[in-house]
Amino acid sequence: MACANCKIRAQYDKNPKSVIGRLWHFHTKFCPGFKAYLKSLSDEERAEICAKYDIK
């Protein structure tokens, strides 16, 4: 899925405080594509992603 290889997500990983990084993190709260991506993951992977990116 595109979310796994997202260039904007990579920017967040590189510098979470950048404008692009903060925009990516903000958009994860309401993006239907990202929510579908999370649902497609196993429980372990989902927990890992949620912990890494502080997603509830």
PDB file of N, CA and C in Angstrom:
ATOM      1  N   MET A   1       0.849  -1.181   0.000  1.00  0.00           N
ATOM      2  CA  MET A   1       0.000   0.000   0.000  1.00  0.00           C
ATOM      3  C   MET A   1       0.894   1.245   0.000  1.00  0.00           C
ATOM      4  N   ALA A   2       0.385   2.308  -0.533  1.00  0.00           N
ATOM      5  CA  ALA A   2       1.160   3.540  -0.685  1.00  0.00           C
ATOM      6  C   ALA A   2       1.607   4.123   0.655  1.00  0.00           C
ATOM      7  N   CYS A   3       0.843   3.937   1.687  1.00  0.00           N
ATOM      8  CA  CYS A   3       1.201   4.504   2.995  1.00  0.00           C
ATOM      9  C   CYS A   3       2.494   3.900   3.542  1.00  0.00           C
ATOM     10  N   ALA A   4       2.761   2.647   3.216  1.00  0.00           N
ATOM     11  CA  ALA A   4       3.968   1.986   3.721  1.00  0.00           C
ATOM     12  C   ALA A   4       5.230   2.603   3.143  1.00  0.00           C
ATOM     13  N   ASN A   5       5.150   3.152   1.937  1.00  0.00           N
ATOM     14  CA  ASN A   5       6.314   3.723   1.264  1.00  0.00           C
ATOM     15  C   ASN A   5       6.160   5.217   0.995  1.00  0.00           C
ATOM     16  N   CYS A   6       5.349   5.873   1.779  1.00  0.00           N
ATOM     17  CA  CYS A   6       5.038   7.286   1.573  1.00  0.00           C
ATOM     18  C   CYS A   6       6.278   8.164   1.769  1.00  0.00           C
ATOM     19  N   LYS A   7       6.545   9.026   0.804  1.00  0.00           N
ATOM     20  CA  LYS A   7       7.694   9.926   0.895  1.00  0.00           C
ATOM     21  C   LYS A   7       7.491  10.976   1.985  1.00  0.00           C
ATOM     22  N   ILE A   8       6.252  11.358   2.208  1.00  0.00           N
ATOM     23  CA  ILE A   8       5.974  12.343   3.257  1.00  0.00           C
ATOM     24  C   ILE A   8       6.173  11.700   4.636  1.00  0.00           C
ATOM     25  N   ARG A   9       5.784  10.450   4.760  1.00  0.00           N
ATOM     26  CA  ARG A   9       6.028   9.722   6.011  1.00  0.00           C
ATOM     27  C   ARG A   9       7.531   9.587   6.257  1.00  0.00           C
ATOM     28  N   ALA A  10       8.288   9.347   5.210  1.00  0.00           N
ATOM     29  CA  ALA A  10       9.750   9.271   5.332  1.00  0.00           C
ATOM     30  C   ALA A  10      10.312  10.608   5.804  1.00  0.00           C
ATOM     31  N   GLN A  11       9.717  11.689   5.346  1.00  0.00           N
ATOM     32  CA  GLN A  11      10.137  13.023   5.787  1.00  0.00           C
ATOM     33  C   GLN A  11       9.881  13.181   7.282  1.00  0.00           C
ATOM     34  N   TYR A  12       8.746  12.666   7.742  1.00  0.00           N
ATOM     35  CA  TYR A  12       8.440  12.711   9.175  1.00  0.00           C
ATOM     36  C   TYR A  12       9.473  11.905   9.959  1.00  0.00           C
ATOM     37  N   ASP A  13       9.823  10.721   9.447  1.00  0.00           N
ATOM     38  CA  ASP A  13      10.825   9.891  10.118  1.00  0.00           C
ATOM     39  C   ASP A  13      12.168  10.612  10.208  1.00  0.00           C
ATOM     40  N   LYS A  14      12.492  11.341   9.170  1.00  0.00           N
ATOM     41  CA  LYS A  14      13.766  12.060   9.104  1.00  0.00           C
ATOM     42  C   LYS A  14      13.778  13.265  10.047  1.00  0.00           C
ATOM     43  N   ASN A  15      12.667  14.016  10.062  1.00  0.00           N
ATOM     44  CA  ASN A  15      12.591  15.228  10.885  1.00  0.00           C
ATOM     45  C   ASN A  15      11.132  15.479  11.279  1.00  0.00           C
ATOM     46  N   PRO A  16      10.692  14.903  12.403  1.00  0.00           N
ATOM     47  CA  PRO A  16       9.291  15.036  12.818  1.00  0.00           C
ATOM     48  C   PRO A  16       8.824  16.468  13.054  1.00  0.00           C
ATOM     49  N   LYS A  17       9.744  17.371  13.301  1.00  0.00           N
ATOM     50  CA  LYS A  17       9.350  18.750  13.590  1.00  0.00           C
ATOM     51  C   LYS A  17       9.301  19.629  12.349  1.00  0.00           C
ATOM     52  N   SER A  18       9.605  19.056  11.188  1.00  0.00           N
ATOM     53  CA  SER A  18       9.517  19.837   9.956  1.00  0.00           C
ATOM     54  C   SER A  18       8.049  20.110   9.634  1.00  0.00           C
ATOM     55  N   VAL A  19       7.805  21.101   8.826  1.00  0.00           N
ATOM     56  CA  VAL A  19       6.430  21.444   8.448  1.00  0.00           C
ATOM     57  C   VAL A  19       5.771  20.260   7.738  1.00  0.00           C
ATOM     58  N   ILE A  20       6.476  19.659   6.808  1.00  0.00           N
ATOM     59  CA  ILE A  20       5.924  18.509   6.071  1.00  0.00           C
ATOM     60  C   ILE A  20       5.673  17.344   7.027  1.00  0.00           C
ATOM     61  N   GLY A  21       6.603  17.101   7.924  1.00  0.00           N
ATOM     62  CA  GLY A  21       6.440  16.022   8.893  1.00  0.00           C
ATOM     63  C   GLY A  21       5.240  16.231   9.794  1.00  0.00           C
ATOM     64  N   ARG A  22       5.082  17.454  10.274  1.00  0.00           N
ATOM     65  CA  ARG A  22       3.931  17.757  11.135  1.00  0.00           C
ATOM     66  C   ARG A  22       2.617  17.663  10.357  1.00  0.00           C
ATOM     67  N   LEU A  23       2.635  18.069   9.103  1.00  0.00           N
ATOM     68  CA  LEU A  23       1.443  17.959   8.263  1.00  0.00           C
ATOM     69  C   LEU A  23       1.059  16.494   8.071  1.00  0.00           C
ATOM     70  N   TRP A  24       2.053  15.634   7.817  1.00  0.00           N
ATOM     71  CA  TRP A  24       1.769  14.201   7.658  1.00  0.00           C
ATOM     72  C   TRP A  24       1.146  13.655   8.938  1.00  0.00           C
ATOM     73  N   HIS A  25       1.737  13.965  10.083  1.00  0.00           N
ATOM     74  CA  HIS A  25       1.222  13.440  11.346  1.00  0.00           C
ATOM     75  C   HIS A  25      -0.199  13.936  11.599  1.00  0.00           C
ATOM     76  N   PHE A  26      -0.471  15.190  11.309  1.00  0.00           N
ATOM     77  CA  PHE A  26      -1.812  15.746  11.477  1.00  0.00           C
ATOM     78  C   PHE A  26      -2.813  15.024  10.582  1.00  0.00           C
ATOM     79  N   HIS A  27      -2.437  14.755   9.343  1.00  0.00           N
ATOM     80  CA  HIS A  27      -3.385  14.165   8.406  1.00  0.00           C
ATOM     81  C   HIS A  27      -3.708  12.714   8.745  1.00  0.00           C
ATOM     82  N   THR A  28      -2.862  12.029   9.524  1.00  0.00           N
ATOM     83  CA  THR A  28      -3.153  10.636   9.891  1.00  0.00           C
ATOM     84  C   THR A  28      -4.385  10.532  10.778  1.00  0.00           C
ATOM     85  N   LYS A  29      -4.781  11.627  11.399  1.00  0.00           N
ATOM     86  CA  LYS A  29      -5.937  11.613  12.293  1.00  0.00           C
ATOM     87  C   LYS A  29      -7.264  11.470  11.545  1.00  0.00           C
ATOM     88  N   PHE A  30      -7.307  11.886  10.277  1.00  0.00           N
ATOM     89  CA  PHE A  30      -8.579  11.851   9.553  1.00  0.00           C
ATOM     90  C   PHE A  30      -8.505  11.220   8.169  1.00  0.00           C
ATOM     91  N   CYS A  31      -7.341  10.837   7.705  1.00  0.00           N
ATOM     92  CA  CYS A  31      -7.180  10.299   6.352  1.00  0.00           C
ATOM     93  C   CYS A  31      -7.787   8.896   6.242  1.00  0.00           C
ATOM     94  N   PRO A  32      -8.797   8.706   5.395  1.00  0.00           N
ATOM     95  CA  PRO A  32      -9.409   7.388   5.259  1.00  0.00           C
ATOM     96  C   PRO A  32      -8.436   6.355   4.689  1.00  0.00           C
ATOM     97  N   GLY A  33      -7.525   6.790   3.843  1.00  0.00           N
ATOM     98  CA  GLY A  33      -6.532   5.869   3.285  1.00  0.00           C
ATOM     99  C   GLY A  33      -5.591   5.345   4.353  1.00  0.00           C
ATOM    100  N   PHE A  34      -5.158   6.217   5.248  1.00  0.00           N
ATOM    101  CA  PHE A  34      -4.256   5.788   6.321  1.00  0.00           C
ATOM    102  C   PHE A  34      -4.989   4.875   7.292  1.00  0.00           C
ATOM    103  N   LYS A  35      -6.246   5.175   7.568  1.00  0.00           N
ATOM    104  CA  LYS A  35      -7.031   4.312   8.456  1.00  0.00           C
ATOM    105  C   LYS A  35      -7.212   2.929   7.839  1.00  0.00           C
ATOM    106  N   ALA A  36      -7.434   2.876   6.525  1.00  0.00           N
ATOM    107  CA  ALA A  36      -7.547   1.590   5.836  1.00  0.00           C
ATOM    108  C   ALA A  36      -6.214   0.848   5.877  1.00  0.00           C
ATOM    109  N   TYR A  37      -5.124   1.590   5.725  1.00  0.00           N
ATOM    110  CA  TYR A  37      -3.789   0.994   5.813  1.00  0.00           C
ATOM    111  C   TYR A  37      -3.586   0.358   7.187  1.00  0.00           C
ATOM    112  N   LEU A  38      -3.945   1.065   8.246  1.00  0.00           N
ATOM    113  CA  LEU A  38      -3.796   0.512   9.589  1.00  0.00           C
ATOM    114  C   LEU A  38      -4.638  -0.744   9.770  1.00  0.00           C
ATOM    115  N   LYS A  39      -5.856  -0.742   9.241  1.00  0.00           N
ATOM    116  CA  LYS A  39      -6.725  -1.914   9.360  1.00  0.00           C
ATOM    117  C   LYS A  39      -6.171  -3.115   8.606  1.00  0.00           C
ATOM    118  N   SER A  40      -5.391  -2.862   7.553  1.00  0.00           N
ATOM    119  CA  SER A  40      -4.843  -3.958   6.753  1.00  0.00           C
ATOM    120  C   SER A  40      -3.649  -4.632   7.432  1.00  0.00           C
ATOM    121  N   LEU A  41      -3.116  -4.011   8.470  1.00  0.00           N
ATOM    122  CA  LEU A  41      -1.958  -4.558   9.173  1.00  0.00           C
ATOM    123  C   LEU A  41      -2.391  -5.569  10.230  1.00  0.00           C
ATOM    124  N   SER A  42      -1.451  -6.438  10.605  1.00  0.00           N
ATOM    125  CA  SER A  42      -1.728  -7.353  11.709  1.00  0.00           C
ATOM    126  C   SER A  42      -1.786  -6.540  13.002  1.00  0.00           C
ATOM    127  N   ASP A  43      -2.304  -7.145  14.046  1.00  0.00           N
ATOM    128  CA  ASP A  43      -2.411  -6.440  15.330  1.00  0.00           C
ATOM    129  C   ASP A  43      -1.048  -5.982  15.831  1.00  0.00           C
ATOM    130  N   GLU A  44      -0.036  -6.819  15.661  1.00  0.00           N
ATOM    131  CA  GLU A  44       1.316  -6.466  16.113  1.00  0.00           C
ATOM    132  C   GLU A  44       1.869  -5.289  15.322  1.00  0.00           C
ATOM    133  N   GLU A  45       1.713  -5.338  13.999  1.00  0.00           N
ATOM    134  CA  GLU A  45       2.211  -4.248  13.150  1.00  0.00           C
ATOM    135  C   GLU A  45       1.475  -2.946  13.448  1.00  0.00           C
ATOM    136  N   ARG A  46       0.167  -3.045  13.627  1.00  0.00           N
ATOM    137  CA  ARG A  46      -0.637  -1.856  13.925  1.00  0.00           C
ATOM    138  C   ARG A  46      -0.192  -1.227  15.244  1.00  0.00           C
ATOM    139  N   ALA A  47       0.022  -2.056  16.252  1.00  0.00           N
ATOM    140  CA  ALA A  47       0.465  -1.547  17.551  1.00  0.00           C
ATOM    141  C   ALA A  47       1.835  -0.883  17.431  1.00  0.00           C
ATOM    142  N   GLU A  48       2.705  -1.476  16.627  1.00  0.00           N
ATOM    143  CA  GLU A  48       4.046  -0.913  16.426  1.00  0.00           C
ATOM    144  C   GLU A  48       3.972   0.456  15.748  1.00  0.00           C
ATOM    145  N   ILE A  49       3.162   0.563  14.694  1.00  0.00           N
ATOM    146  CA  ILE A  49       3.004   1.829  13.969  1.00  0.00           C
ATOM    147  C   ILE A  49       2.375   2.881  14.884  1.00  0.00           C
ATOM    148  N   CYS A  50       1.339   2.496  15.608  1.00  0.00           N
ATOM    149  CA  CYS A  50       0.660   3.444  16.495  1.00  0.00           C
ATOM    150  C   CYS A  50       1.596   3.942  17.593  1.00  0.00           C
ATOM    151  N   ALA A  51       2.422   3.066  18.120  1.00  0.00           N
ATOM    152  CA  ALA A  51       3.374   3.480  19.155  1.00  0.00           C
ATOM    153  C   ALA A  51       4.459   4.378  18.566  1.00  0.00           C
ATOM    154  N   LYS A  52       4.959   4.005  17.402  1.00  0.00           N
ATOM    155  CA  LYS A  52       6.045   4.769  16.777  1.00  0.00           C
ATOM    156  C   LYS A  52       5.613   6.193  16.443  1.00  0.00           C
ATOM    157  N   TYR A  53       4.377   6.337  15.955  1.00  0.00           N
ATOM    158  CA  TYR A  53       3.900   7.639  15.496  1.00  0.00           C
ATOM    159  C   TYR A  53       2.912   8.296  16.452  1.00  0.00           C
ATOM    160  N   ASP A  54       2.756   7.732  17.649  1.00  0.00           N
ATOM    161  CA  ASP A  54       1.861   8.284  18.662  1.00  0.00           C
ATOM    162  C   ASP A  54       0.454   8.494  18.102  1.00  0.00           C
ATOM    163  N   ILE A  55      -0.074   7.422  17.533  1.00  0.00           N
ATOM    164  CA  ILE A  55      -1.419   7.444  16.955  1.00  0.00           C
ATOM    165  C   ILE A  55      -2.329   6.643  17.868  1.00  0.00           C
ATOM    166  N   LYS A  56      -3.482   7.196  18.164  1.00  0.00           N
ATOM    167  CA  LYS A  56      -4.408   6.531  19.076  1.00  0.00           C
ATOM    168  C   LYS A  56      -5.439   5.742  18.338  1.00  0.00           C
TER     169      LYS A  56
END
